[in-house]
Protein backbone atom coordinates (compact mmCIF):
# COMPACT_ATOMS: atom_id res chain seq x y z
CA MET A 1 44.16 -41.29 -18.15
CA ALA A 2 41.98 -39.34 -20.60
CA SER A 3 38.22 -39.63 -20.65
CA ARG A 4 36.18 -40.78 -23.60
CA ARG A 5 33.40 -38.96 -25.43
CA GLY A 6 31.09 -36.95 -23.20
CA GLU A 7 33.68 -36.22 -20.52
CA SER A 8 36.08 -33.26 -20.27
CA ALA A 9 39.64 -34.51 -19.91
CA LEU A 10 42.73 -34.46 -22.06
CA PRO A 11 43.66 -37.35 -24.38
CA PRO A 12 46.57 -39.59 -23.39
CA GLY A 13 50.16 -38.81 -24.25
CA PRO A 14 53.74 -39.57 -23.19
CA ARG A 15 54.31 -39.59 -19.44
CA LEU A 16 57.86 -38.26 -19.67
CA PRO A 17 58.59 -35.03 -17.76
CA ALA A 18 58.10 -31.82 -19.75
CA THR A 19 61.86 -31.29 -20.06
CA ALA A 20 62.35 -34.76 -21.54
CA GLN A 21 59.50 -34.20 -23.98
CA ALA A 22 60.97 -30.82 -24.99
CA ILE A 23 64.35 -32.48 -25.65
CA ASN A 24 62.67 -35.05 -27.90
CA TRP A 25 60.65 -32.29 -29.61
CA THR A 26 63.82 -30.27 -30.26
CA PHE A 27 66.36 -32.91 -31.28
CA ARG A 28 64.22 -35.73 -32.73
CA PRO A 29 60.88 -34.10 -33.54
CA GLY A 30 59.84 -36.41 -36.38
CA PRO A 31 60.31 -39.72 -34.54
CA PHE A 32 58.81 -38.16 -31.38
CA LEU A 33 55.60 -37.18 -33.19
CA GLU A 34 55.32 -40.47 -35.06
CA ARG A 35 55.86 -42.45 -31.85
CA CYS A 36 53.15 -40.43 -30.08
CA GLN A 37 50.68 -41.06 -32.88
CA ARG A 38 51.50 -44.77 -32.95
CA ASP A 39 51.17 -45.17 -29.16
CA TYR A 40 48.24 -42.83 -28.42
CA GLY A 41 46.26 -42.39 -31.64
CA ASP A 42 45.29 -39.42 -33.79
CA VAL A 43 44.56 -37.09 -30.86
CA PHE A 44 47.21 -36.98 -28.13
CA THR A 45 48.63 -34.66 -25.48
CA VAL A 46 52.21 -33.44 -25.13
CA ARG A 47 53.80 -31.33 -22.40
CA LEU A 48 56.71 -29.18 -23.55
CA GLU A 49 56.92 -26.44 -20.89
CA MET A 50 57.87 -26.77 -17.25
CA GLY A 51 54.75 -25.72 -15.39
CA GLY A 52 53.12 -24.70 -18.67
CA ALA A 53 49.91 -25.75 -20.36
CA PRO A 54 49.72 -29.11 -22.17
CA ARG A 55 48.99 -29.20 -25.91
CA VAL A 56 46.65 -31.52 -27.76
CA LEU A 57 48.03 -32.48 -31.18
CA VAL A 58 45.59 -33.58 -33.87
CA SER A 59 46.61 -35.82 -36.78
CA ASP A 60 43.09 -36.67 -37.99
CA PRO A 61 42.24 -34.40 -40.97
CA ARG A 62 38.51 -34.39 -40.16
CA ALA A 63 39.16 -33.29 -36.58
CA ALA A 64 41.65 -30.67 -37.81
CA THR A 65 39.06 -29.30 -40.24
CA THR A 66 36.52 -29.13 -37.40
CA LEU A 67 38.93 -26.97 -35.40
CA LEU A 68 39.76 -24.47 -38.13
CA ALA A 69 36.53 -24.32 -40.15
CA LYS A 70 34.85 -22.08 -37.58
CA PRO A 71 37.07 -19.20 -36.39
CA SER A 72 34.83 -18.71 -33.35
CA LEU A 73 35.91 -22.09 -31.91
CA THR A 74 39.49 -20.95 -31.29
CA THR A 75 41.58 -17.88 -30.60
CA VAL A 76 45.25 -16.88 -30.66
CA PRO A 77 46.94 -18.98 -27.96
CA ALA A 78 48.33 -17.33 -24.86
CA THR A 79 51.65 -19.07 -25.54
CA ARG A 80 52.18 -16.68 -28.46
CA ALA A 81 53.16 -14.05 -25.91
CA SER A 82 56.73 -15.33 -26.31
CA ILE A 83 56.87 -14.09 -29.93
CA ARG A 84 54.98 -10.83 -29.34
CA PRO A 85 58.23 -8.83 -28.89
CA ILE A 86 59.28 -9.96 -32.37
CA PHE A 87 56.06 -9.75 -34.41
CA GLY A 88 54.33 -6.96 -32.48
CA GLU A 89 50.95 -6.52 -30.78
CA GLU A 90 49.11 -5.82 -34.05
CA SER A 91 50.72 -8.45 -36.25
CA VAL A 92 48.32 -10.54 -38.29
CA VAL A 93 49.62 -13.60 -36.41
CA MET A 94 48.73 -12.06 -33.03
CA VAL A 95 45.18 -10.73 -33.55
CA ASP A 96 41.74 -12.24 -34.14
CA GLY A 97 38.29 -11.27 -35.34
CA GLU A 98 37.64 -8.12 -37.35
CA GLN A 99 41.13 -6.78 -36.70
CA HIS A 100 42.64 -9.92 -38.21
CA LYS A 101 40.29 -9.72 -41.19
CA ARG A 102 41.17 -6.06 -41.83
CA GLN A 103 44.89 -6.72 -41.72
CA ARG A 104 44.63 -9.71 -44.08
CA GLN A 105 42.67 -7.56 -46.54
CA ALA A 106 45.43 -4.96 -46.47
CA MET A 107 48.15 -7.53 -47.11
CA LEU A 108 46.52 -9.83 -49.68
CA PRO A 109 46.70 -7.59 -52.80
CA ALA A 110 50.49 -7.86 -52.88
CA PHE A 111 50.39 -11.67 -53.12
CA ARG A 112 47.70 -12.59 -55.61
CA GLY A 113 46.54 -12.19 -59.21
CA SER A 114 48.77 -10.50 -61.74
CA ARG A 115 51.22 -9.41 -59.05
CA LEU A 116 52.68 -12.92 -58.89
CA ASP A 117 53.81 -12.99 -62.50
CA ARG A 118 55.46 -9.58 -62.10
CA TYR A 119 57.57 -11.02 -59.29
CA ARG A 120 59.21 -13.39 -61.78
CA ASP A 121 61.52 -10.51 -62.75
CA LEU A 122 62.65 -10.27 -59.12
CA ILE A 123 62.99 -13.97 -58.39
CA GLU A 124 64.99 -15.24 -61.36
CA PRO A 125 67.74 -12.55 -61.19
CA ALA A 126 68.03 -13.10 -57.42
CA ALA A 127 68.46 -16.84 -58.04
CA ASP A 128 71.13 -16.16 -60.69
CA ARG A 129 73.07 -13.81 -58.39
CA GLU A 130 73.02 -16.42 -55.63
CA ILE A 131 74.05 -19.28 -57.92
CA ASP A 132 76.95 -17.21 -59.26
CA SER A 133 78.31 -16.83 -55.70
CA TRP A 134 78.46 -20.54 -54.90
CA PRO A 135 81.75 -22.45 -54.78
CA VAL A 136 82.43 -25.19 -57.34
CA ASP A 137 83.56 -28.66 -56.24
CA ARG A 138 83.38 -27.75 -52.55
CA ALA A 139 80.73 -28.84 -50.03
CA PHE A 140 78.54 -26.13 -48.51
CA ALA A 141 75.23 -25.84 -46.69
CA LEU A 142 72.55 -24.83 -49.15
CA ARG A 143 69.79 -23.68 -46.78
CA PRO A 144 71.60 -20.52 -45.54
CA ARG A 145 72.37 -19.52 -49.15
CA LEU A 146 68.74 -20.00 -50.12
CA GLN A 147 67.69 -17.96 -47.10
CA ALA A 148 69.87 -15.03 -48.21
CA MET A 149 68.26 -15.21 -51.65
CA THR A 150 64.65 -15.43 -50.40
CA LEU A 151 65.28 -12.52 -48.00
CA ALA A 152 66.51 -10.38 -50.91
CA VAL A 153 63.38 -11.28 -52.87
CA ILE A 154 60.89 -10.55 -50.08
CA LEU A 155 62.63 -7.23 -49.36
CA ASP A 156 62.11 -6.20 -52.99
CA VAL A 157 58.50 -7.41 -52.88
CA VAL A 158 57.76 -5.39 -49.73
CA PHE A 159 59.76 -2.23 -50.48
CA GLY A 160 60.37 -2.27 -54.23
CA CYS A 161 63.79 -2.11 -55.84
CA ARG A 162 64.40 1.65 -55.80
CA ASN A 163 66.53 1.86 -52.67
CA PRO A 164 68.89 -1.15 -52.36
CA GLU A 165 70.80 0.47 -49.48
CA ARG A 166 67.65 0.80 -47.35
CA ASN A 167 66.61 -2.76 -48.21
CA GLU A 168 70.02 -3.97 -47.08
CA GLU A 169 69.68 -2.05 -43.79
CA ILE A 170 66.25 -3.55 -43.13
CA GLY A 171 67.58 -7.00 -44.02
CA SER A 172 70.29 -6.66 -41.37
CA HIS A 173 67.60 -5.98 -38.74
CA ILE A 174 65.72 -9.11 -39.83
CA ASP A 175 68.89 -11.21 -39.74
CA ARG A 176 69.52 -10.10 -36.16
CA LEU A 177 65.98 -10.93 -35.04
CA LEU A 178 66.11 -14.32 -36.74
CA ALA A 179 69.51 -15.18 -35.29
CA ALA A 180 68.04 -14.79 -31.81
CA VAL A 181 65.12 -17.17 -32.31
CA ALA A 182 65.66 -19.37 -35.39
CA ASN A 183 68.18 -21.77 -33.92
CA ARG A 184 68.35 -25.02 -31.95
CA GLY A 185 68.15 -23.15 -28.65
CA GLY A 186 65.09 -21.26 -29.87
CA GLY A 187 63.32 -24.56 -30.37
CA PHE A 188 64.17 -25.65 -26.82
CA ALA A 189 63.17 -22.30 -25.26
CA VAL A 190 59.64 -23.53 -24.54
CA ALA A 191 61.09 -25.64 -21.73
CA LEU A 192 62.83 -22.72 -20.01
CA PRO A 193 61.37 -20.99 -16.94
CA ALA A 194 59.25 -17.90 -17.64
CA TRP A 195 61.76 -15.51 -16.02
CA LEU A 196 64.53 -16.60 -18.41
CA ARG A 197 62.23 -16.17 -21.41
CA ALA A 198 61.37 -12.66 -20.11
CA ILE A 199 65.06 -11.64 -20.13
CA ALA A 200 65.39 -12.80 -23.73
CA ALA A 201 62.18 -10.96 -24.65
CA SER A 202 63.54 -7.65 -23.35
CA ARG A 203 66.52 -7.86 -25.73
CA LEU A 204 64.24 -8.72 -28.64
CA THR A 205 62.07 -5.69 -27.84
CA SER A 206 65.11 -3.43 -28.11
CA TRP A 207 66.07 -4.90 -31.48
CA ARG A 208 62.51 -4.64 -32.73
CA ASP A 209 62.49 -0.92 -31.76
CA ASP A 210 65.49 -0.38 -34.07
CA PHE A 211 63.63 -2.13 -36.89
CA ASP A 212 60.49 -0.02 -36.33
CA ALA A 213 62.49 3.21 -36.46
CA THR A 214 63.74 2.31 -39.95
CA ILE A 215 60.26 1.35 -41.22
CA LEU A 216 58.63 4.46 -39.74
CA GLU A 217 61.24 6.59 -41.51
CA GLU A 218 60.39 4.88 -44.81
CA ILE A 219 56.65 5.47 -44.22
CA SER A 220 57.30 9.12 -43.45
CA LEU A 221 59.41 9.58 -46.61
CA ARG A 222 56.72 8.02 -48.77
CA ARG A 223 53.97 10.18 -47.33
CA ALA A 224 56.07 13.31 -47.86
CA ASP A 225 57.11 12.29 -51.37
CA PRO A 226 55.21 9.42 -53.06
CA THR A 227 57.99 9.03 -55.64
CA GLN A 228 60.18 7.62 -52.83
CA GLY A 229 58.42 4.27 -53.08
CA ALA A 230 57.16 1.94 -55.78
CA ASP A 231 53.43 2.10 -56.30
CA ASN A 232 52.92 -1.65 -56.53
CA ASP A 233 54.95 -3.02 -53.63
CA ALA A 234 53.55 -4.57 -50.46
CA LEU A 235 54.29 -1.51 -48.33
CA ALA A 236 52.19 0.61 -50.70
CA SER A 237 49.30 -1.85 -50.18
CA LEU A 238 49.66 -1.60 -46.41
CA MET A 239 49.70 2.21 -46.56
CA ALA A 240 46.61 2.36 -48.81
CA THR A 241 43.55 4.29 -47.64
CA GLY A 242 39.99 3.05 -47.38
CA GLY A 243 36.91 4.49 -49.04
CA THR A 244 36.85 7.34 -46.50
CA GLY A 245 40.39 8.41 -47.37
CA LYS A 246 41.60 7.24 -43.95
CA GLU A 247 44.49 4.82 -43.59
CA LEU A 248 43.29 1.26 -43.00
CA LEU A 249 46.20 0.53 -40.67
CA SER A 250 48.05 2.65 -38.13
CA ASP A 251 51.77 3.21 -38.61
CA GLN A 252 52.55 0.74 -35.83
CA ALA A 253 50.26 -1.85 -37.38
CA ILE A 254 52.08 -1.36 -40.69
CA CYS A 255 55.43 -1.93 -38.94
CA ASP A 256 54.06 -5.13 -37.39
CA GLN A 257 52.79 -6.46 -40.73
CA VAL A 258 56.06 -5.61 -42.47
CA CYS A 259 58.05 -7.45 -39.81
CA THR A 260 55.70 -10.43 -40.10
CA LEU A 261 56.01 -10.53 -43.89
CA LEU A 262 59.80 -10.39 -43.75
CA LEU A 263 60.25 -12.92 -40.95
CA ALA A 264 57.63 -15.41 -42.12
CA GLY A 265 58.06 -14.76 -45.83
CA HIS A 266 61.57 -16.00 -46.48
CA GLU A 267 62.96 -18.49 -43.95
CA THR A 268 60.06 -20.91 -44.39
CA THR A 269 60.47 -20.71 -48.18
CA ALA A 270 64.21 -21.31 -47.98
CA THR A 271 63.72 -24.26 -45.63
CA SER A 272 61.12 -25.86 -47.91
CA LEU A 273 63.40 -25.39 -50.93
CA ALA A 274 66.25 -27.01 -49.00
CA TRP A 275 64.01 -30.00 -48.23
CA GLY A 276 63.02 -30.33 -51.88
CA ILE A 277 66.66 -30.39 -52.97
CA GLU A 278 67.60 -32.77 -50.14
CA HIS A 279 65.00 -35.25 -51.38
CA LEU A 280 66.05 -34.85 -55.02
CA MET A 281 69.70 -35.57 -54.13
CA HIS A 282 68.62 -39.04 -53.00
CA GLU A 283 66.00 -39.80 -55.67
CA PRO A 284 67.91 -40.24 -58.96
CA GLN A 285 64.85 -40.63 -61.17
CA ALA A 286 63.22 -37.40 -59.97
CA PHE A 287 66.59 -35.63 -60.08
CA GLU A 288 67.27 -36.61 -63.68
CA ARG A 289 63.76 -35.75 -64.82
CA LEU A 290 63.88 -32.24 -63.36
CA SER A 291 67.42 -31.68 -64.71
CA PHE A 292 66.41 -32.71 -68.22
CA GLU A 293 63.13 -30.80 -68.34
CA ALA A 294 64.58 -27.64 -66.78
CA ARG A 295 67.21 -27.48 -69.54
CA TYR A 296 65.34 -28.73 -72.59
CA ASP A 297 61.63 -28.28 -71.87
CA PRO A 298 61.09 -25.10 -69.80
CA GLY A 299 57.32 -25.56 -69.67
CA GLY A 300 57.61 -29.16 -68.56
CA GLY A 301 60.39 -28.24 -66.17
CA GLU A 302 58.22 -25.63 -64.48
CA ARG A 303 55.34 -28.11 -64.10
CA TYR A 304 57.60 -30.78 -62.67
CA ALA A 305 59.26 -28.24 -60.36
CA GLU A 306 55.80 -27.34 -59.07
CA ALA A 307 55.12 -31.03 -58.37
CA VAL A 308 58.47 -31.37 -56.56
CA VAL A 309 57.63 -28.33 -54.42
CA THR A 310 54.21 -29.71 -53.52
CA GLU A 311 55.66 -33.08 -52.57
CA ALA A 312 58.45 -31.48 -50.51
CA LEU A 313 55.86 -29.40 -48.65
CA ARG A 314 53.84 -32.56 -48.03
CA LEU A 315 56.69 -34.57 -46.57
CA ASN A 316 58.34 -31.69 -44.73
CA PRO A 317 55.96 -28.83 -43.99
CA PRO A 318 58.23 -26.17 -42.46
CA LEU A 319 55.71 -25.45 -39.70
CA PRO A 320 54.78 -28.84 -38.23
CA ASN A 321 51.52 -27.70 -36.64
CA THR A 322 49.06 -24.82 -36.36
CA GLN A 323 48.50 -23.94 -32.73
CA ARG A 324 45.24 -22.42 -31.46
CA GLN A 325 43.41 -22.14 -28.13
CA LEU A 326 39.83 -23.34 -27.67
CA THR A 327 37.11 -20.85 -26.77
CA THR A 328 34.66 -23.67 -25.98
CA SER A 329 34.82 -27.41 -25.39
CA VAL A 330 35.10 -29.39 -28.64
CA THR A 331 34.68 -33.07 -29.47
CA LEU A 332 37.63 -34.46 -31.43
CA GLY A 333 37.40 -38.14 -32.24
CA ASP A 334 36.71 -40.01 -29.01
CA TYR A 335 37.55 -37.07 -26.75
CA THR A 336 35.79 -33.93 -25.56
CA ILE A 337 38.53 -31.33 -25.20
CA PRO A 338 37.91 -28.70 -22.50
CA ASN A 339 37.63 -24.96 -23.15
CA ALA A 340 40.94 -23.01 -23.14
CA THR A 341 43.01 -26.08 -24.13
CA LEU A 342 45.88 -25.53 -26.57
CA VAL A 343 45.15 -27.53 -29.73
CA ALA A 344 47.34 -28.02 -32.79
CA PRO A 345 46.41 -29.68 -36.10
CA CYS A 346 49.66 -31.42 -37.05
CA ALA A 347 50.53 -31.12 -40.75
CA TYR A 348 53.62 -33.30 -40.32
CA LEU A 349 51.51 -36.29 -39.25
CA ILE A 350 48.44 -35.64 -41.42
CA HIS A 351 50.65 -35.62 -44.52
CA ARG A 352 52.05 -39.05 -43.62
CA ARG A 353 48.70 -40.84 -43.39
CA ALA A 354 48.41 -43.92 -45.61
CA ASP A 355 44.66 -43.36 -45.99
CA LEU A 356 45.41 -39.98 -47.63
CA TYR A 357 48.58 -40.73 -49.61
CA ALA A 358 49.75 -44.00 -51.11
CA ASP A 359 53.24 -44.93 -49.89
CA PRO A 360 53.18 -41.79 -47.71
CA HIS A 361 56.83 -41.79 -46.59
CA ALA A 362 58.16 -41.93 -50.17
CA PHE A 363 59.13 -38.84 -52.16
CA LYS A 364 57.02 -39.05 -55.33
CA PRO A 365 56.47 -35.71 -57.14
CA GLU A 366 54.47 -37.54 -59.82
CA ARG A 367 51.53 -37.82 -57.43
CA PHE A 368 50.97 -34.06 -57.94
CA LEU A 369 51.70 -33.73 -61.67
CA ASN A 370 48.06 -33.99 -62.71
CA ALA A 371 46.29 -33.43 -59.42
CA SER A 372 46.33 -30.94 -56.59
CA PRO A 373 46.27 -32.16 -53.00
CA ALA A 374 42.82 -32.47 -51.45
CA GLN A 375 42.03 -29.61 -49.09
CA GLU A 376 41.50 -31.83 -46.05
CA ALA A 377 44.81 -33.60 -46.75
CA TRP A 378 46.93 -30.46 -47.17
CA TRP A 379 48.04 -28.35 -44.21
CA SER A 380 51.46 -26.97 -45.22
CA PHE A 381 50.21 -23.38 -44.96
CA GLY A 382 47.69 -23.87 -42.17
CA GLY A 383 43.98 -23.72 -42.85
CA GLY A 384 40.75 -21.83 -42.45
CA SER A 385 40.67 -18.05 -42.17
CA ARG A 386 44.28 -18.01 -40.93
CA ARG A 387 45.83 -19.79 -43.89
CA CYS A 388 49.19 -18.25 -44.80
CA ILE A 389 48.71 -15.06 -46.82
CA GLY A 390 51.81 -15.68 -48.91
CA ALA A 391 51.12 -19.35 -49.72
CA ASN A 392 50.71 -18.84 -53.48
CA PHE A 393 53.73 -16.54 -53.63
CA ALA A 394 55.87 -19.04 -51.71
CA ARG A 395 55.01 -21.92 -54.03
CA PHE A 396 55.51 -19.71 -57.10
CA GLN A 397 58.92 -18.58 -55.87
CA MET A 398 60.02 -22.07 -54.91
CA SER A 399 59.08 -23.51 -58.31
CA LEU A 400 60.94 -20.78 -60.22
CA VAL A 401 64.07 -21.08 -58.08
CA LEU A 402 64.11 -24.88 -58.26
CA ARG A 403 63.77 -24.89 -62.04
CA ARG A 404 66.51 -22.24 -62.35
CA LEU A 405 68.85 -24.24 -60.09
CA PHE A 406 68.47 -27.38 -62.17
CA GLU A 407 68.74 -25.44 -65.41
CA ARG A 408 72.05 -23.83 -64.43
CA THR A 409 73.79 -26.23 -62.04
CA HIS A 410 74.56 -29.83 -61.32
CA LEU A 411 74.39 -30.63 -57.62
CA ARG A 412 75.13 -33.75 -55.63
CA ALA A 413 74.73 -34.55 -51.97
CA ALA A 414 77.86 -33.95 -49.91
CA THR A 415 77.16 -37.29 -48.19
CA PRO A 416 75.36 -39.37 -50.86
CA HIS A 417 74.58 -42.32 -48.57
CA ARG A 418 73.27 -40.30 -45.66
CA ARG A 419 69.98 -38.42 -45.64
CA GLU A 420 69.61 -35.40 -43.39
CA ALA A 421 67.32 -35.80 -40.40
CA VAL A 422 64.61 -33.42 -39.24
CA ARG A 423 65.79 -30.88 -36.65
CA LYS A 424 64.05 -27.98 -34.96
CA ARG A 425 65.28 -24.55 -36.02
CA GLY A 426 63.27 -22.13 -33.91
CA ILE A 427 59.68 -23.11 -34.76
CA LEU A 428 60.59 -24.73 -38.09
CA PHE A 429 61.41 -28.33 -39.01
CA ALA A 430 64.64 -27.99 -41.01
CA PRO A 431 67.29 -30.33 -42.50
CA SER A 432 69.74 -31.19 -39.73
CA ARG A 433 72.87 -30.02 -41.58
CA GLY A 434 71.31 -27.39 -43.81
CA THR A 435 71.22 -29.60 -46.96
CA ARG A 436 74.93 -29.92 -47.64
CA VAL A 437 75.68 -30.19 -51.36
CA VAL A 438 78.54 -29.98 -53.84
CA MET A 439 78.01 -28.00 -57.06
CA THR A 440 80.01 -29.79 -59.73
CA GLU A 441 78.91 -27.62 -62.65
CA ARG A 442 77.62 -24.07 -63.16
CA ARG A 443 76.29 -22.95 -66.53
CA PRO A 444 76.04 -19.33 -67.66
CA ALA A 445 72.77 -17.53 -66.94
């Protein structure tokens, strides 16, 4: 049993063995989380690793804000060691404090201000090329196609468009890394013994070394001949010097940030787009409105597409929670959580609270047509000082792609009377069958 306020003990949670909880977390994550919240309240404990540390999930927005408002209360969790071979020791997702702040400052210029509008010329042609490759009148999984498109876009954002062959080579490295972790087995890996995870990590390290060699070669070429790279891409921002003329980031740190941008910057976007389309396939009124406005009222279509994206991110945030580790004991609701506990504000549950959203389980883009989500009610990109760097870019890209899809195509669900369930794909919550659709019409670009 957990202790109440003033005592140091973990909140209650399911008593199933860790393996059974991991199976639920992997194969039925949505119902598992909702059942835990219903049975144990807004702060509850789950155990997903055999012999590993328990995790306290938080579905109260005020408690979640308490956790992330002060960076000193938490640190990068020790459990992130499992992804270190992929992202690297100096990745922005692996470091804290001043190092984290410095790396964010180096990455942010590529994803804000006037840069976003310039990316329109990358996104819309990439969407057109992808649409032109789709079969007509034949069912296919949309999420993998969207992932190929968003990878092409983020590669151009990071490296520019001057060397398509090198971008394709780097993309193949990213595909190989993702294939190893972004799958059903990757989601269940938390329940495996440490020695098995170590074997898998050694293979990932080898693959990451191949990736680094390619990026280091690109860095070397650019330093030797600045005309080799575009002067406004993300890699140029990462290679920029400070006021002293010294590079802000080491070459290895640049490799780690590039890998992070590529891995985190396209699969989450593709998954969120797939969710938005999955919902639209089963909501005729929203579907018809976006179809009409995308074709006949581009301005209105873009605004409604933005509302669809926001609502899709609310109902199905690709990352269900933001995991941190306490550096001191913290009071959350009725519980005082001990120092060093793994804690995770849960976007999936916060976004389904009836006290934050009317009819919270319904897909209603209109709720965001004339209003933005309140900060304490919106956790799709994390929060606090570790909020996703590419959040604005992701939403911008998703809105453009969605409007373009509905301007140029007519889609229907491959199984109109069956919605796709939530399934774990690595660390993401994805549509169980990849959003299977049939394109019945394709208009010229």
